[in-house]
Amino acid sequence: MKHNPDRLSVATIVAYPGSDIYRWALEGKNGYKLLTSDWSDYDKYLSDSIELENMSSRMMRLLQIQMYLEVYLRNRRFLELFRLFFKEFTLLKYMIKQIFTTET
């Protein structure tokens, strides 16, 4: 927040097939757990393909949302946050769903 970057991109880890992380997740090693092999779930912004031993995929997504909100709101960049949500309406719907959905 202190550096107030012109652009912000906050991604979560994705276990792409062929990567070491994918192999570890398949094998349940190094704290990784593969949740799906469905390629449509492999997205660095809306991913639900992997979780960590000590952190659920939902918690990773909530932290991702928190980072976006904190950087834009603390730096009083309300218009830019609105533009981001308008431009990426799917992202906005996803964020709202994540905030109000309880973990099972």
N, C-alpha and C. Protein backbone atom coordinates (compact mmCIF):
# COMPACT_ATOMS: atom_id res chain seq x y z
N MET A 1 0.82 -1.18 0.00
CA MET A 1 0.00 0.00 0.00
C MET A 1 0.87 1.25 0.00
N LYS A 2 1.95 1.19 0.71
CA LYS A 2 2.84 2.34 0.84
C LYS A 2 3.36 2.82 -0.51
N HIS A 3 3.64 1.90 -1.42
CA HIS A 3 4.22 2.26 -2.72
C HIS A 3 3.16 2.68 -3.73
N ASN A 4 1.90 2.37 -3.46
CA ASN A 4 0.78 2.77 -4.32
C ASN A 4 1.10 2.55 -5.80
N PRO A 5 1.20 1.30 -6.23
CA PRO A 5 1.59 1.00 -7.61
C PRO A 5 0.54 1.48 -8.62
N ASP A 6 1.01 1.82 -9.83
CA ASP A 6 0.09 2.23 -10.90
C ASP A 6 -0.82 1.07 -11.29
N ARG A 7 -0.27 -0.12 -11.31
CA ARG A 7 -1.03 -1.32 -11.67
C ARG A 7 -0.85 -2.36 -10.58
N LEU A 8 -1.89 -3.12 -10.37
CA LEU A 8 -1.85 -4.14 -9.34
C LEU A 8 -2.38 -5.44 -9.92
N SER A 9 -1.65 -6.50 -9.71
CA SER A 9 -2.09 -7.81 -10.13
C SER A 9 -1.77 -8.78 -9.00
N VAL A 10 -2.80 -9.33 -8.40
CA VAL A 10 -2.63 -10.25 -7.28
C VAL A 10 -3.15 -11.60 -7.72
N ALA A 11 -2.27 -12.55 -7.81
CA ALA A 11 -2.64 -13.88 -8.30
C ALA A 11 -2.41 -14.92 -7.21
N THR A 12 -3.13 -16.02 -7.31
CA THR A 12 -2.90 -17.15 -6.41
C THR A 12 -2.12 -18.21 -7.18
N ILE A 13 -1.53 -19.11 -6.44
CA ILE A 13 -0.73 -20.15 -7.07
C ILE A 13 -1.63 -21.11 -7.87
N VAL A 14 -1.14 -21.49 -9.02
CA VAL A 14 -1.86 -22.44 -9.88
C VAL A 14 -0.91 -23.58 -10.20
N ALA A 15 -1.38 -24.79 -10.01
CA ALA A 15 -0.56 -25.98 -10.27
C ALA A 15 -0.72 -26.40 -11.72
N TYR A 16 0.01 -25.76 -12.61
CA TYR A 16 -0.10 -26.09 -14.03
C TYR A 16 0.49 -27.47 -14.30
N PRO A 17 -0.21 -28.28 -15.09
CA PRO A 17 0.31 -29.62 -15.43
C PRO A 17 1.73 -29.53 -16.00
N GLY A 18 2.58 -30.40 -15.52
CA GLY A 18 3.97 -30.43 -15.95
C GLY A 18 4.90 -29.68 -15.01
N SER A 19 4.34 -28.86 -14.13
CA SER A 19 5.18 -28.11 -13.19
C SER A 19 5.46 -28.96 -11.95
N ASP A 20 6.51 -28.59 -11.21
CA ASP A 20 6.82 -29.29 -9.97
C ASP A 20 5.67 -29.18 -8.98
N ILE A 21 5.04 -28.02 -8.92
CA ILE A 21 3.94 -27.82 -7.99
C ILE A 21 2.78 -28.77 -8.31
N TYR A 22 2.50 -28.96 -9.60
CA TYR A 22 1.45 -29.90 -10.00
C TYR A 22 1.78 -31.31 -9.52
N ARG A 23 3.01 -31.71 -9.75
CA ARG A 23 3.44 -33.06 -9.33
C ARG A 23 3.35 -33.19 -7.81
N TRP A 24 3.82 -32.18 -7.09
CA TRP A 24 3.74 -32.22 -5.63
C TRP A 24 2.29 -32.30 -5.16
N ALA A 25 1.43 -31.52 -5.79
CA ALA A 25 0.01 -31.51 -5.40
C ALA A 25 -0.63 -32.87 -5.67
N LEU A 26 -0.29 -33.47 -6.81
CA LEU A 26 -0.82 -34.80 -7.13
C LEU A 26 -0.39 -35.82 -6.08
N GLU A 27 0.86 -35.69 -5.64
CA GLU A 27 1.42 -36.64 -4.68
C GLU A 27 1.16 -36.24 -3.23
N GLY A 28 0.59 -35.05 -3.02
CA GLY A 28 0.34 -34.57 -1.66
C GLY A 28 1.61 -34.21 -0.91
N LYS A 29 2.62 -33.76 -1.64
CA LYS A 29 3.92 -33.43 -1.04
C LYS A 29 4.06 -31.92 -0.83
N ASN A 30 4.98 -31.56 0.06
CA ASN A 30 5.36 -30.17 0.32
C ASN A 30 4.17 -29.27 0.68
N GLY A 31 3.13 -29.85 1.24
CA GLY A 31 2.00 -29.06 1.71
C GLY A 31 0.98 -28.69 0.65
N TYR A 32 1.08 -29.23 -0.56
CA TYR A 32 0.15 -28.91 -1.64
C TYR A 32 -0.90 -30.01 -1.80
N LYS A 33 -2.10 -29.61 -2.16
CA LYS A 33 -3.17 -30.58 -2.42
C LYS A 33 -3.91 -30.15 -3.68
N LEU A 34 -3.97 -31.03 -4.67
CA LEU A 34 -4.66 -30.76 -5.92
C LEU A 34 -6.16 -30.96 -5.71
N LEU A 35 -6.96 -29.98 -6.07
CA LEU A 35 -8.40 -30.05 -5.89
C LEU A 35 -9.14 -30.49 -7.14
N THR A 36 -8.55 -30.25 -8.30
CA THR A 36 -9.22 -30.60 -9.55
C THR A 36 -8.21 -30.77 -10.67
N SER A 37 -8.58 -31.53 -11.67
CA SER A 37 -7.79 -31.64 -12.89
C SER A 37 -8.52 -31.00 -14.06
N ASP A 38 -9.63 -30.34 -13.77
CA ASP A 38 -10.42 -29.66 -14.79
C ASP A 38 -9.71 -28.37 -15.21
N TRP A 39 -9.27 -28.32 -16.45
CA TRP A 39 -8.49 -27.20 -16.96
C TRP A 39 -9.21 -25.86 -16.82
N SER A 40 -10.53 -25.86 -16.86
CA SER A 40 -11.27 -24.60 -16.74
C SER A 40 -11.13 -23.97 -15.36
N ASP A 41 -10.66 -24.72 -14.37
CA ASP A 41 -10.44 -24.19 -13.03
C ASP A 41 -9.04 -23.60 -12.84
N TYR A 42 -8.22 -23.64 -13.87
CA TYR A 42 -6.84 -23.17 -13.76
C TYR A 42 -6.74 -21.72 -14.23
N ASP A 43 -6.91 -20.81 -13.29
CA ASP A 43 -6.89 -19.38 -13.57
C ASP A 43 -6.23 -18.69 -12.39
N LYS A 44 -5.25 -17.85 -12.64
CA LYS A 44 -4.52 -17.24 -11.52
C LYS A 44 -5.35 -16.24 -10.73
N TYR A 45 -6.48 -15.80 -11.28
CA TYR A 45 -7.32 -14.86 -10.54
C TYR A 45 -8.54 -15.52 -9.93
N LEU A 46 -9.05 -16.54 -10.53
CA LEU A 46 -10.28 -17.15 -10.06
C LEU A 46 -10.09 -18.64 -9.80
N SER A 47 -8.90 -19.03 -9.47
CA SER A 47 -8.55 -20.44 -9.38
C SER A 47 -9.08 -21.12 -8.12
N ASP A 48 -9.48 -22.34 -8.32
CA ASP A 48 -9.86 -23.20 -7.21
C ASP A 48 -9.28 -24.58 -7.48
N SER A 49 -8.03 -24.59 -7.94
CA SER A 49 -7.42 -25.84 -8.36
C SER A 49 -6.47 -26.45 -7.33
N ILE A 50 -6.04 -25.65 -6.36
CA ILE A 50 -5.04 -26.13 -5.41
C ILE A 50 -5.26 -25.45 -4.07
N GLU A 51 -4.85 -26.15 -3.01
CA GLU A 51 -4.82 -25.51 -1.71
C GLU A 51 -3.57 -25.97 -0.98
N LEU A 52 -3.26 -25.27 0.07
CA LEU A 52 -2.08 -25.58 0.85
C LEU A 52 -2.48 -26.32 2.11
N GLU A 53 -1.56 -27.04 2.66
CA GLU A 53 -1.81 -27.80 3.87
C GLU A 53 -2.39 -26.93 4.99
N ASN A 54 -1.87 -25.72 5.12
CA ASN A 54 -2.28 -24.83 6.20
C ASN A 54 -3.19 -23.70 5.76
N MET A 55 -3.65 -23.73 4.50
CA MET A 55 -4.51 -22.67 4.01
C MET A 55 -5.40 -23.20 2.90
N SER A 56 -6.70 -23.04 3.09
CA SER A 56 -7.64 -23.51 2.08
C SER A 56 -7.59 -22.62 0.84
N SER A 57 -8.10 -23.15 -0.26
CA SER A 57 -8.15 -22.35 -1.49
C SER A 57 -9.06 -21.15 -1.28
N ARG A 58 -10.12 -21.32 -0.52
CA ARG A 58 -11.03 -20.19 -0.25
C ARG A 58 -10.30 -19.08 0.50
N MET A 59 -9.49 -19.43 1.49
CA MET A 59 -8.75 -18.42 2.24
C MET A 59 -7.76 -17.69 1.32
N MET A 60 -7.12 -18.42 0.41
CA MET A 60 -6.20 -17.76 -0.54
C MET A 60 -6.96 -16.75 -1.40
N ARG A 61 -8.16 -17.12 -1.85
CA ARG A 61 -8.97 -16.21 -2.67
C ARG A 61 -9.43 -15.00 -1.86
N LEU A 62 -9.80 -15.21 -0.61
CA LEU A 62 -10.21 -14.09 0.24
C LEU A 62 -9.05 -13.12 0.49
N LEU A 63 -7.86 -13.65 0.69
CA LEU A 63 -6.68 -12.79 0.86
C LEU A 63 -6.38 -12.02 -0.42
N GLN A 64 -6.60 -12.65 -1.55
CA GLN A 64 -6.41 -11.99 -2.84
C GLN A 64 -7.37 -10.79 -2.96
N ILE A 65 -8.62 -11.01 -2.62
CA ILE A 65 -9.63 -9.95 -2.65
C ILE A 65 -9.25 -8.84 -1.68
N GLN A 66 -8.83 -9.22 -0.49
CA GLN A 66 -8.44 -8.25 0.53
C GLN A 66 -7.31 -7.35 0.03
N MET A 67 -6.34 -7.93 -0.64
CA MET A 67 -5.21 -7.14 -1.14
C MET A 67 -5.68 -6.09 -2.14
N TYR A 68 -6.52 -6.49 -3.09
CA TYR A 68 -7.05 -5.51 -4.05
C TYR A 68 -7.77 -4.38 -3.33
N LEU A 69 -8.66 -4.74 -2.44
CA LEU A 69 -9.45 -3.72 -1.74
C LEU A 69 -8.57 -2.80 -0.90
N GLU A 70 -7.64 -3.36 -0.18
CA GLU A 70 -6.78 -2.54 0.68
C GLU A 70 -5.93 -1.56 -0.11
N VAL A 71 -5.32 -2.02 -1.19
CA VAL A 71 -4.45 -1.13 -1.97
C VAL A 71 -5.26 0.02 -2.56
N TYR A 72 -6.38 -0.29 -3.18
CA TYR A 72 -7.17 0.76 -3.81
C TYR A 72 -7.86 1.66 -2.79
N LEU A 73 -8.42 1.10 -1.75
CA LEU A 73 -9.16 1.92 -0.79
C LEU A 73 -8.24 2.74 0.10
N ARG A 74 -7.17 2.16 0.59
CA ARG A 74 -6.25 2.92 1.46
C ARG A 74 -5.55 4.05 0.72
N ASN A 75 -5.39 3.89 -0.59
CA ASN A 75 -4.76 4.95 -1.38
C ASN A 75 -5.79 5.86 -2.03
N ARG A 76 -7.04 5.73 -1.59
CA ARG A 76 -8.14 6.58 -2.05
C ARG A 76 -8.31 6.57 -3.57
N ARG A 77 -8.14 5.40 -4.14
CA ARG A 77 -8.27 5.24 -5.59
C ARG A 77 -9.61 4.58 -5.91
N PHE A 78 -10.68 5.22 -5.45
CA PHE A 78 -12.03 4.68 -5.55
C PHE A 78 -12.48 4.54 -7.00
N LEU A 79 -12.19 5.54 -7.80
CA LEU A 79 -12.60 5.51 -9.20
C LEU A 79 -11.91 4.37 -9.94
N GLU A 80 -10.63 4.16 -9.66
CA GLU A 80 -9.90 3.07 -10.31
C GLU A 80 -10.44 1.71 -9.87
N LEU A 81 -10.83 1.58 -8.62
CA LEU A 81 -11.42 0.34 -8.14
C LEU A 81 -12.74 0.10 -8.85
N PHE A 82 -13.54 1.13 -8.98
CA PHE A 82 -14.80 1.02 -9.70
C PHE A 82 -14.56 0.61 -11.15
N ARG A 83 -13.58 1.24 -11.80
CA ARG A 83 -13.26 0.90 -13.19
C ARG A 83 -12.81 -0.55 -13.32
N LEU A 84 -12.01 -1.01 -12.37
CA LEU A 84 -11.56 -2.39 -12.38
C LEU A 84 -12.76 -3.33 -12.33
N PHE A 85 -13.68 -3.06 -11.43
CA PHE A 85 -14.85 -3.90 -11.30
C PHE A 85 -15.76 -3.81 -12.52
N PHE A 86 -15.87 -2.62 -13.08
CA PHE A 86 -16.71 -2.46 -14.27
C PHE A 86 -16.10 -3.21 -15.45
N LYS A 87 -14.79 -3.07 -15.60
CA LYS A 87 -14.09 -3.73 -16.71
C LYS A 87 -14.08 -5.25 -16.52
N GLU A 88 -13.90 -5.68 -15.31
CA GLU A 88 -13.80 -7.10 -14.99
C GLU A 88 -15.03 -7.50 -14.16
N PHE A 89 -16.21 -7.38 -14.75
CA PHE A 89 -17.44 -7.66 -14.02
C PHE A 89 -17.48 -9.07 -13.47
N THR A 90 -16.89 -10.02 -14.19
CA THR A 90 -16.82 -11.40 -13.72
C THR A 90 -16.04 -11.46 -12.41
N LEU A 91 -14.98 -10.68 -12.32
CA LEU A 91 -14.17 -10.62 -11.10
C LEU A 91 -15.00 -10.08 -9.94
N LEU A 92 -15.78 -9.05 -10.18
CA LEU A 92 -16.62 -8.48 -9.13
C LEU A 92 -17.63 -9.51 -8.63
N LYS A 93 -18.33 -10.17 -9.55
CA LYS A 93 -19.30 -11.18 -9.15
C LYS A 93 -18.62 -12.29 -8.34
N TYR A 94 -17.44 -12.68 -8.79
CA TYR A 94 -16.69 -13.72 -8.10
C TYR A 94 -16.33 -13.28 -6.69
N MET A 95 -15.84 -12.05 -6.55
CA MET A 95 -15.44 -11.54 -5.23
C MET A 95 -16.63 -11.50 -4.28
N ILE A 96 -17.75 -11.02 -4.75
CA ILE A 96 -18.94 -10.97 -3.92
C ILE A 96 -19.36 -12.36 -3.48
N LYS A 97 -19.32 -13.29 -4.41
CA LYS A 97 -19.69 -14.67 -4.09
C LYS A 97 -18.75 -15.24 -3.03
N GLN A 98 -17.46 -14.99 -3.16
CA GLN A 98 -16.49 -15.52 -2.21
C GLN A 98 -16.68 -14.94 -0.82
N ILE A 99 -17.00 -13.68 -0.75
CA ILE A 99 -17.16 -13.02 0.54
C ILE A 99 -18.39 -13.56 1.28
N PHE A 100 -19.46 -13.81 0.55
CA PHE A 100 -20.71 -14.20 1.19
C PHE A 100 -21.00 -15.70 1.18
N THR A 101 -20.11 -16.50 0.65
CA THR A 101 -20.30 -17.95 0.65
C THR A 101 -19.54 -18.54 1.84
N THR A 102 -20.19 -19.40 2.56
CA THR A 102 -19.52 -20.06 3.68
C THR A 102 -18.79 -21.28 3.18
N GLU A 103 -17.70 -21.58 3.82
CA GLU A 103 -16.88 -22.74 3.44
C GLU A 103 -17.53 -24.01 3.97
N THR A 104 -17.51 -25.03 3.14
CA THR A 104 -18.09 -26.32 3.57
C THR A 104 -17.03 -27.22 4.11
